[in-house]
């Protein structure tokens, strides 16, 4: 059998040695990455540092400068979805980080349900929200889930590197929120039209006779 120093590695052996010092234990557990080393350290009785519970007060914060109209539009969607405006904004940011796949798919499914001709007529009636010509007069603090601000920063940096065009995090956030408002306006209009056209689509599955 190999000596413990060989399969743990010198760096992890040094960390294991530090377990004899109580003040160093918690920091040591955070430093060690090797699963084998962690197992050995747990066997040695080292306490595992717990991740802090999510606290909205300590969450990533972003100061958003927007028009009152955008804030009002987000508040309206938040009321419709039964959640806070901050949660609505957070959902918009996460959706854009995920590639806007689910909302775009929902829109396209509803277009297929109505047919392209009928869907086009419905979408022509939808008033698109545009923040470009509006003056940002409101400052709103958006609290984002842990790590989301960093992910947005990475996306913005990658975009700038790829295109050679600088984009601020604030611009990215505004674009994500405006897209969110508009895609939900479209989905709501298409869904309303789909139900009007075929009311049976709104019947719950467990209510349909077998």
Protein backbone atom coordinates (compact mmCIF):
# COMPACT_ATOMS: atom_id res chain seq x y z
CA UNK A 1 0.00 0.00 0.00
CA UNK A 2 1.25 3.47 -0.87
CA UNK A 3 2.16 5.79 1.98
CA UNK A 4 -0.55 8.36 2.69
CA UNK A 5 1.81 11.13 1.58
CA UNK A 6 1.86 9.72 -1.98
CA UNK A 7 -1.87 9.49 -2.64
CA UNK A 8 -2.77 12.69 -0.79
CA UNK A 9 0.02 14.78 -2.26
CA UNK A 10 2.36 17.14 -0.46
CA UNK A 11 -0.02 20.13 -0.54
CA UNK A 12 -2.89 18.18 0.96
CA UNK A 13 -0.56 16.55 3.52
CA UNK A 14 0.43 20.03 4.64
CA UNK A 15 -3.24 20.92 5.02
CA UNK A 16 -3.86 17.67 6.93
CA UNK A 17 -1.03 18.54 9.29
CA UNK A 18 -2.68 21.89 9.99
CA UNK A 19 -5.73 20.10 11.40
CA UNK A 20 -3.92 19.84 14.70
CA UNK A 21 -4.43 23.58 15.06
CA UNK A 22 -8.14 24.26 15.78
CA UNK A 23 -8.01 27.81 14.42
CA UNK A 24 -6.78 26.53 11.07
CA UNK A 25 -9.33 23.74 10.62
CA UNK A 26 -12.15 25.65 8.96
CA UNK A 27 -9.84 27.50 6.57
CA UNK A 28 -8.06 24.25 5.74
CA UNK A 29 -11.29 22.50 4.77
CA UNK A 30 -12.02 25.31 2.32
CA UNK A 31 -8.57 25.07 0.74
CA UNK A 32 -8.46 21.33 0.07
CA UNK A 33 -10.07 20.30 -3.21
CA UNK A 34 -9.11 16.62 -3.55
CA UNK A 35 -12.04 14.27 -2.67
CA UNK A 36 -9.54 11.70 -1.34
CA UNK A 37 -7.91 14.31 0.86
CA UNK A 38 -11.27 15.51 2.15
CA UNK A 39 -12.25 11.93 3.04
CA UNK A 40 -9.04 11.48 4.99
CA UNK A 41 -9.54 14.79 6.77
CA UNK A 42 -13.12 13.92 7.68
CA UNK A 43 -11.87 10.63 9.12
CA UNK A 44 -9.40 12.65 11.16
CA UNK A 45 -12.30 14.50 12.74
CA UNK A 46 -12.00 17.78 10.92
CA UNK A 47 -15.20 19.90 10.92
CA UNK A 48 -16.66 20.64 7.48
CA UNK A 49 -17.26 24.34 6.90
CA UNK A 50 -20.91 24.95 6.01
CA UNK A 51 -21.93 27.24 3.19
CA UNK A 52 -23.66 30.34 4.53
CA UNK A 53 -27.43 30.38 4.16
CA UNK A 54 -28.76 32.63 1.39
CA UNK A 55 -29.64 36.03 2.76
CA UNK A 56 -31.27 38.59 0.47
CA UNK A 57 -29.67 41.37 2.51
CA UNK A 58 -26.21 39.96 1.69
CA UNK A 59 -27.08 39.01 -1.91
CA UNK A 60 -25.28 40.41 -4.94
CA UNK A 61 -26.66 43.90 -5.50
CA UNK A 62 -26.86 45.87 -8.71
CA UNK A 63 -28.03 49.48 -9.00
CA UNK A 64 -30.27 49.68 -12.05
CA UNK A 65 -31.02 53.03 -13.68
CA UNK A 66 -34.19 52.77 -15.72
CA UNK A 67 -37.24 54.67 -16.82
CA UNK A 68 -40.36 54.62 -14.62
CA UNK A 69 -42.11 52.83 -17.51
CA UNK A 70 -39.75 49.83 -17.36
CA UNK A 71 -40.13 49.60 -13.62
CA UNK A 72 -43.91 49.76 -14.00
CA UNK A 73 -43.85 47.04 -16.67
CA UNK A 74 -41.78 44.75 -14.43
CA UNK A 75 -44.09 45.44 -11.50
CA UNK A 76 -47.09 44.49 -13.64
CA UNK A 77 -45.51 41.17 -14.66
CA UNK A 78 -44.52 40.52 -11.06
CA UNK A 79 -48.13 40.96 -9.92
CA UNK A 80 -49.31 38.70 -12.72
CA UNK A 81 -46.82 36.02 -11.69
CA UNK A 82 -47.47 36.45 -7.97
CA UNK A 83 -44.00 37.49 -6.89
CA UNK A 84 -41.92 40.55 -6.06
CA UNK A 85 -40.52 42.89 -8.68
CA UNK A 86 -37.02 41.91 -7.58
CA UNK A 87 -37.83 38.24 -8.18
CA UNK A 88 -39.21 39.16 -11.61
CA UNK A 89 -36.02 41.00 -12.52
CA UNK A 90 -33.94 38.09 -11.26
CA UNK A 91 -35.91 35.66 -13.43
CA UNK A 92 -35.31 37.89 -16.45
CA UNK A 93 -31.56 37.92 -15.84
CA UNK A 94 -31.40 34.15 -15.32
CA UNK A 95 -33.42 33.54 -18.49
CA UNK A 96 -31.00 35.60 -20.57
CA UNK A 97 -28.03 33.83 -19.00
CA UNK A 98 -29.66 30.53 -19.99
CA UNK A 99 -29.94 31.60 -23.63
CA UNK A 100 -33.61 32.68 -23.55
CA UNK A 101 -34.54 29.15 -24.57
CA UNK A 102 -37.69 28.37 -22.56
CA UNK A 103 -39.54 31.61 -23.26
CA UNK A 104 -38.65 31.54 -26.95
CA UNK A 105 -39.80 27.92 -27.17
CA UNK A 106 -43.11 28.78 -25.47
CA UNK A 107 -43.69 31.63 -27.91
CA UNK A 108 -42.95 29.40 -30.90
CA UNK A 109 -45.19 26.61 -29.60
CA UNK A 110 -48.08 29.07 -29.30
CA UNK A 111 -47.39 30.38 -32.81
CA UNK A 112 -47.63 26.80 -34.05
CA UNK A 113 -50.87 26.31 -32.13
CA UNK A 114 -52.46 29.36 -33.75
CA UNK A 115 -50.86 29.05 -37.15
CA UNK A 116 -48.41 31.57 -38.56
CA UNK A 117 -51.07 33.71 -40.22
CA UNK A 118 -53.25 34.08 -37.13
CA UNK A 119 -50.21 34.46 -34.86
CA UNK A 120 -48.85 37.28 -37.03
CA UNK A 121 -52.15 39.13 -36.75
CA UNK A 122 -52.10 38.76 -32.97
CA UNK A 123 -48.47 39.87 -32.65
CA UNK A 124 -49.12 42.95 -34.74
CA UNK A 125 -51.46 44.12 -31.97
CA UNK A 126 -48.85 43.71 -29.24
CA UNK A 127 -47.25 46.96 -28.17
CA UNK A 128 -43.49 46.44 -27.82
CA UNK A 129 -41.72 48.08 -24.94
CA UNK A 130 -38.71 50.20 -25.91
CA UNK A 131 -36.33 51.67 -23.36
CA UNK A 132 -34.01 53.33 -25.89
CA UNK A 133 -35.86 56.64 -26.14
CA UNK A 134 -36.80 56.79 -22.48
CA UNK A 135 -34.81 58.77 -19.96
CA UNK A 136 -33.54 56.73 -17.01
CA UNK A 137 -34.75 58.61 -13.95
CA UNK A 138 -35.28 55.80 -11.45
CA UNK A 139 -32.62 53.93 -9.49
CA UNK A 140 -33.57 50.49 -8.30
CA UNK A 141 -31.43 48.07 -6.31
CA UNK A 142 -31.79 44.58 -7.79
CA UNK A 143 -30.69 41.75 -5.52
CA UNK A 144 -29.40 38.81 -7.54
CA UNK A 145 -28.88 35.20 -6.44
CA UNK A 146 -25.37 34.27 -5.40
CA UNK A 147 -22.92 34.19 -8.28
CA UNK A 148 -25.27 35.71 -10.88
CA UNK A 149 -23.57 39.09 -10.98
CA UNK A 150 -20.25 37.36 -11.68
CA UNK A 151 -21.85 35.31 -14.48
CA UNK A 152 -23.23 38.45 -16.10
CA UNK A 153 -19.79 40.06 -15.90
CA UNK A 154 -18.29 37.03 -17.68
CA UNK A 155 -20.92 37.17 -20.45
CA UNK A 156 -20.35 40.89 -20.99
CA UNK A 157 -16.58 40.40 -21.11
CA UNK A 158 -16.88 37.52 -23.59
CA UNK A 159 -19.17 39.60 -25.79
CA UNK A 160 -16.71 42.49 -25.82
CA UNK A 161 -13.78 40.18 -26.60
CA UNK A 162 -15.69 38.45 -29.40
CA UNK A 163 -17.10 41.51 -31.11
CA UNK A 164 -14.56 44.16 -30.21
CA UNK A 165 -17.48 46.32 -29.10
CA UNK A 166 -17.60 47.41 -25.49
CA UNK A 167 -20.79 46.65 -23.60
CA UNK A 168 -21.49 47.63 -20.03
CA UNK A 169 -23.09 45.34 -17.49
CA UNK A 170 -25.84 47.93 -17.09
CA UNK A 171 -26.67 47.83 -20.81
CA UNK A 172 -26.79 44.03 -20.71
CA UNK A 173 -29.15 44.12 -17.73
CA UNK A 174 -31.49 46.65 -19.37
CA UNK A 175 -31.57 44.58 -22.57
CA UNK A 176 -32.40 41.45 -20.57
CA UNK A 177 -35.28 43.19 -18.77
CA UNK A 178 -36.71 44.77 -21.93
CA UNK A 179 -36.57 41.41 -23.74
CA UNK A 180 -38.30 39.77 -20.76
CA UNK A 181 -41.13 42.29 -20.80
CA UNK A 182 -41.66 41.98 -24.55
CA UNK A 183 -41.49 38.19 -24.75
CA UNK A 184 -44.08 37.92 -21.97
CA UNK A 185 -46.33 40.45 -23.67
CA UNK A 186 -46.18 38.28 -26.79
CA UNK A 187 -46.69 35.00 -24.90
CA UNK A 188 -49.67 36.41 -23.03
CA UNK A 189 -51.31 37.66 -26.24
CA UNK A 190 -50.67 34.40 -28.08
CA UNK A 191 -51.94 32.31 -25.16
CA UNK A 192 -55.11 34.38 -24.86
CA UNK A 193 -55.76 33.98 -28.58
CA UNK A 194 -55.04 30.23 -28.43
CA UNK A 195 -57.57 29.73 -25.63
CA UNK A 196 -60.17 31.79 -27.49
CA UNK A 197 -59.63 29.72 -30.62
CA UNK A 198 -59.65 26.34 -28.90
CA UNK A 199 -61.05 26.50 -25.34
CA UNK A 200 -60.37 22.79 -24.86
CA UNK A 201 -56.64 23.48 -24.57
CA UNK A 202 -57.33 25.10 -21.18
CA UNK A 203 -59.01 21.99 -19.73
CA UNK A 204 -56.83 20.28 -17.15
CA UNK A 205 -55.66 16.82 -18.17
CA UNK A 206 -57.16 15.13 -15.09
CA UNK A 207 -60.55 16.60 -16.03
CA UNK A 208 -60.61 14.92 -19.42
CA UNK A 209 -62.49 11.57 -19.48
CA UNK A 210 -60.22 8.60 -20.17
